[in-house]
Amino acid sequence: MDSNHYTSAVAANIETARQETGLTTLSLSASSGIPLVSLDRKLHQHGDFTVREIKALASALGTTTLALSTVRDLTTPA
């Protein structure tokens, strides 16, 4: 798996969790301590989330770091 696929999958996991909780990007930024510009840029795959950021986002979203960073390989059968 290439890094672009991983970056895209992590951003999608974070965005899905954000939508499920009903948080806005602004409120997620505030509750995670990640500046809005940085969060928005990374959610649109213009940069990678650090482990520290993923941990802060997981805490703000009420989920785990593992849940946000797990990438499912859709090319192999389950």
N, C-alpha and C. Protein backbone atom coordinates (compact mmCIF):
# COMPACT_ATOMS: atom_id res chain seq x y z
N MET A 1 0.85 -1.17 0.00
CA MET A 1 0.00 0.00 0.00
C MET A 1 0.89 1.23 0.00
N ASP A 2 0.54 2.18 -0.85
CA ASP A 2 1.35 3.38 -0.91
C ASP A 2 0.86 4.41 0.11
N SER A 3 1.70 5.40 0.36
CA SER A 3 1.38 6.39 1.39
C SER A 3 0.17 7.24 1.02
N ASN A 4 -0.06 7.47 -0.26
CA ASN A 4 -1.24 8.24 -0.67
C ASN A 4 -2.53 7.51 -0.30
N HIS A 5 -2.53 6.19 -0.49
CA HIS A 5 -3.70 5.39 -0.13
C HIS A 5 -3.93 5.47 1.38
N TYR A 6 -2.87 5.36 2.15
CA TYR A 6 -2.99 5.42 3.62
C TYR A 6 -3.50 6.79 4.06
N THR A 7 -2.93 7.86 3.51
CA THR A 7 -3.35 9.22 3.85
C THR A 7 -4.82 9.42 3.55
N SER A 8 -5.24 8.96 2.39
CA SER A 8 -6.63 9.08 1.97
C SER A 8 -7.56 8.29 2.89
N ALA A 9 -7.16 7.09 3.26
CA ALA A 9 -7.99 6.24 4.13
C ALA A 9 -8.13 6.83 5.53
N VAL A 10 -7.05 7.34 6.08
CA VAL A 10 -7.11 7.94 7.42
C VAL A 10 -8.00 9.18 7.39
N ALA A 11 -7.84 10.02 6.38
CA ALA A 11 -8.69 11.21 6.26
C ALA A 11 -10.17 10.81 6.15
N ALA A 12 -10.44 9.77 5.37
CA ALA A 12 -11.83 9.30 5.22
C ALA A 12 -12.37 8.76 6.54
N ASN A 13 -11.55 8.04 7.29
CA ASN A 13 -11.99 7.52 8.59
C ASN A 13 -12.32 8.66 9.55
N ILE A 14 -11.49 9.68 9.56
CA ILE A 14 -11.71 10.83 10.44
C ILE A 14 -12.98 11.56 10.02
N GLU A 15 -13.15 11.77 8.74
CA GLU A 15 -14.32 12.49 8.24
C GLU A 15 -15.61 11.70 8.54
N THR A 16 -15.57 10.40 8.38
CA THR A 16 -16.73 9.56 8.69
C THR A 16 -17.08 9.67 10.18
N ALA A 17 -16.08 9.56 11.03
CA ALA A 17 -16.31 9.66 12.48
C ALA A 17 -16.85 11.05 12.84
N ARG A 18 -16.33 12.08 12.19
CA ARG A 18 -16.80 13.44 12.46
C ARG A 18 -18.27 13.57 12.09
N GLN A 19 -18.64 13.07 10.95
CA GLN A 19 -20.03 13.14 10.51
C GLN A 19 -20.95 12.33 11.43
N GLU A 20 -20.48 11.16 11.86
CA GLU A 20 -21.29 10.31 12.74
C GLU A 20 -21.55 10.97 14.09
N THR A 21 -20.60 11.76 14.55
CA THR A 21 -20.78 12.44 15.84
C THR A 21 -21.53 13.75 15.70
N GLY A 22 -21.66 14.23 14.48
CA GLY A 22 -22.37 15.49 14.25
C GLY A 22 -21.53 16.73 14.51
N LEU A 23 -20.23 16.55 14.71
CA LEU A 23 -19.36 17.70 14.95
C LEU A 23 -19.06 18.43 13.64
N THR A 24 -18.93 19.73 13.74
CA THR A 24 -18.44 20.49 12.59
C THR A 24 -16.92 20.41 12.59
N THR A 25 -16.33 20.76 11.47
CA THR A 25 -14.87 20.78 11.40
C THR A 25 -14.32 21.81 12.39
N LEU A 26 -15.03 22.92 12.54
CA LEU A 26 -14.61 23.95 13.49
C LEU A 26 -14.63 23.42 14.92
N SER A 27 -15.68 22.72 15.31
CA SER A 27 -15.75 22.20 16.69
C SER A 27 -14.74 21.08 16.90
N LEU A 28 -14.49 20.27 15.86
CA LEU A 28 -13.47 19.22 15.98
C LEU A 28 -12.09 19.85 16.14
N SER A 29 -11.85 20.91 15.41
CA SER A 29 -10.59 21.63 15.55
C SER A 29 -10.40 22.13 16.98
N ALA A 30 -11.43 22.73 17.51
CA ALA A 30 -11.35 23.28 18.87
C ALA A 30 -11.16 22.18 19.91
N SER A 31 -11.90 21.10 19.78
CA SER A 31 -11.83 20.05 20.80
C SER A 31 -10.57 19.20 20.69
N SER A 32 -9.95 19.17 19.51
CA SER A 32 -8.73 18.37 19.35
C SER A 32 -7.47 19.21 19.53
N GLY A 33 -7.61 20.53 19.45
CA GLY A 33 -6.44 21.40 19.56
C GLY A 33 -5.65 21.53 18.27
N ILE A 34 -6.20 21.02 17.17
CA ILE A 34 -5.54 21.14 15.87
C ILE A 34 -6.09 22.38 15.17
N PRO A 35 -5.22 23.29 14.76
CA PRO A 35 -5.71 24.50 14.08
C PRO A 35 -6.62 24.15 12.90
N LEU A 36 -7.67 24.93 12.73
CA LEU A 36 -8.66 24.67 11.69
C LEU A 36 -8.04 24.55 10.30
N VAL A 37 -7.13 25.45 9.97
CA VAL A 37 -6.50 25.43 8.65
C VAL A 37 -5.75 24.11 8.44
N SER A 38 -5.02 23.67 9.44
CA SER A 38 -4.28 22.41 9.34
C SER A 38 -5.21 21.22 9.23
N LEU A 39 -6.25 21.20 10.05
CA LEU A 39 -7.20 20.09 10.02
C LEU A 39 -7.89 20.02 8.66
N ASP A 40 -8.36 21.14 8.17
CA ASP A 40 -9.05 21.16 6.89
C ASP A 40 -8.12 20.73 5.75
N ARG A 41 -6.90 21.20 5.79
CA ARG A 41 -5.93 20.84 4.75
C ARG A 41 -5.68 19.33 4.75
N LYS A 42 -5.50 18.76 5.92
CA LYS A 42 -5.21 17.32 6.01
C LYS A 42 -6.43 16.47 5.70
N LEU A 43 -7.62 16.95 6.04
CA LEU A 43 -8.83 16.21 5.68
C LEU A 43 -9.02 16.17 4.16
N HIS A 44 -8.47 17.16 3.48
CA HIS A 44 -8.53 17.18 2.02
C HIS A 44 -7.26 16.62 1.39
N GLN A 45 -6.53 15.84 2.19
CA GLN A 45 -5.37 15.06 1.75
C GLN A 45 -4.21 15.89 1.22
N HIS A 46 -4.01 17.05 1.85
CA HIS A 46 -2.87 17.88 1.51
C HIS A 46 -1.91 17.89 2.69
N GLY A 47 -1.52 16.71 3.10
CA GLY A 47 -0.62 16.55 4.23
C GLY A 47 -1.05 15.36 5.05
N ASP A 48 -0.13 14.83 5.83
CA ASP A 48 -0.39 13.64 6.65
C ASP A 48 -0.68 14.04 8.09
N PHE A 49 -1.57 13.29 8.72
CA PHE A 49 -1.82 13.47 10.15
C PHE A 49 -0.68 12.82 10.92
N THR A 50 -0.24 13.46 11.98
CA THR A 50 0.76 12.86 12.86
C THR A 50 0.05 11.91 13.82
N VAL A 51 0.81 11.06 14.46
CA VAL A 51 0.24 10.15 15.46
C VAL A 51 -0.39 10.96 16.58
N ARG A 52 0.26 12.03 17.00
CA ARG A 52 -0.27 12.90 18.06
C ARG A 52 -1.62 13.49 17.64
N GLU A 53 -1.74 13.91 16.39
CA GLU A 53 -3.00 14.47 15.90
C GLU A 53 -4.09 13.41 15.85
N ILE A 54 -3.75 12.21 15.39
CA ILE A 54 -4.74 11.14 15.33
C ILE A 54 -5.23 10.79 16.74
N LYS A 55 -4.33 10.78 17.71
CA LYS A 55 -4.73 10.53 19.10
C LYS A 55 -5.67 11.62 19.60
N ALA A 56 -5.36 12.88 19.30
CA ALA A 56 -6.21 13.99 19.74
C ALA A 56 -7.57 13.93 19.07
N LEU A 57 -7.59 13.58 17.79
CA LEU A 57 -8.86 13.47 17.08
C LEU A 57 -9.68 12.31 17.60
N ALA A 58 -9.04 11.19 17.88
CA ALA A 58 -9.75 10.04 18.42
C ALA A 58 -10.41 10.40 19.75
N SER A 59 -9.69 11.10 20.59
CA SER A 59 -10.23 11.52 21.88
C SER A 59 -11.43 12.45 21.68
N ALA A 60 -11.29 13.41 20.79
CA ALA A 60 -12.37 14.37 20.53
C ALA A 60 -13.60 13.71 19.91
N LEU A 61 -13.36 12.64 19.15
CA LEU A 61 -14.46 11.96 18.47
C LEU A 61 -15.03 10.79 19.26
N GLY A 62 -14.43 10.50 20.40
CA GLY A 62 -14.92 9.40 21.23
C GLY A 62 -14.67 8.03 20.61
N THR A 63 -13.54 7.90 19.93
CA THR A 63 -13.18 6.64 19.31
C THR A 63 -11.73 6.33 19.64
N THR A 64 -11.16 5.36 18.96
CA THR A 64 -9.78 4.98 19.24
C THR A 64 -8.85 5.39 18.10
N THR A 65 -7.59 5.50 18.44
CA THR A 65 -6.58 5.78 17.44
C THR A 65 -6.56 4.68 16.39
N LEU A 66 -6.71 3.44 16.84
CA LEU A 66 -6.72 2.31 15.92
C LEU A 66 -7.87 2.42 14.93
N ALA A 67 -9.04 2.80 15.39
CA ALA A 67 -10.19 2.92 14.49
C ALA A 67 -9.95 3.97 13.42
N LEU A 68 -9.29 5.05 13.77
CA LEU A 68 -9.05 6.12 12.79
C LEU A 68 -7.91 5.79 11.84
N SER A 69 -6.97 4.97 12.28
CA SER A 69 -5.79 4.71 11.45
C SER A 69 -5.82 3.36 10.73
N THR A 70 -6.87 2.58 10.93
CA THR A 70 -6.96 1.29 10.25
C THR A 70 -7.37 1.48 8.80
N VAL A 71 -6.65 0.82 7.93
CA VAL A 71 -6.95 0.88 6.50
C VAL A 71 -7.37 -0.52 6.07
N ARG A 72 -8.56 -0.56 5.49
CA ARG A 72 -9.06 -1.83 5.00
C ARG A 72 -8.63 -2.00 3.56
N ASP A 73 -8.04 -3.17 3.27
CA ASP A 73 -7.61 -3.48 1.91
C ASP A 73 -8.80 -4.05 1.16
N LEU A 74 -9.36 -3.28 0.28
CA LEU A 74 -10.55 -3.69 -0.45
C LEU A 74 -10.21 -4.55 -1.67
N THR A 75 -8.93 -4.78 -1.91
CA THR A 75 -8.56 -5.56 -3.09
C THR A 75 -8.49 -7.05 -2.80
N THR A 76 -8.48 -7.44 -1.53
CA THR A 76 -8.44 -8.86 -1.19
C THR A 76 -9.74 -9.27 -0.55
N PRO A 77 -10.23 -10.48 -0.83
CA PRO A 77 -11.48 -10.93 -0.23
C PRO A 77 -11.37 -11.09 1.27
N ALA A 78 -12.49 -10.89 1.95
CA ALA A 78 -12.51 -10.99 3.43
C ALA A 78 -12.39 -12.41 3.89
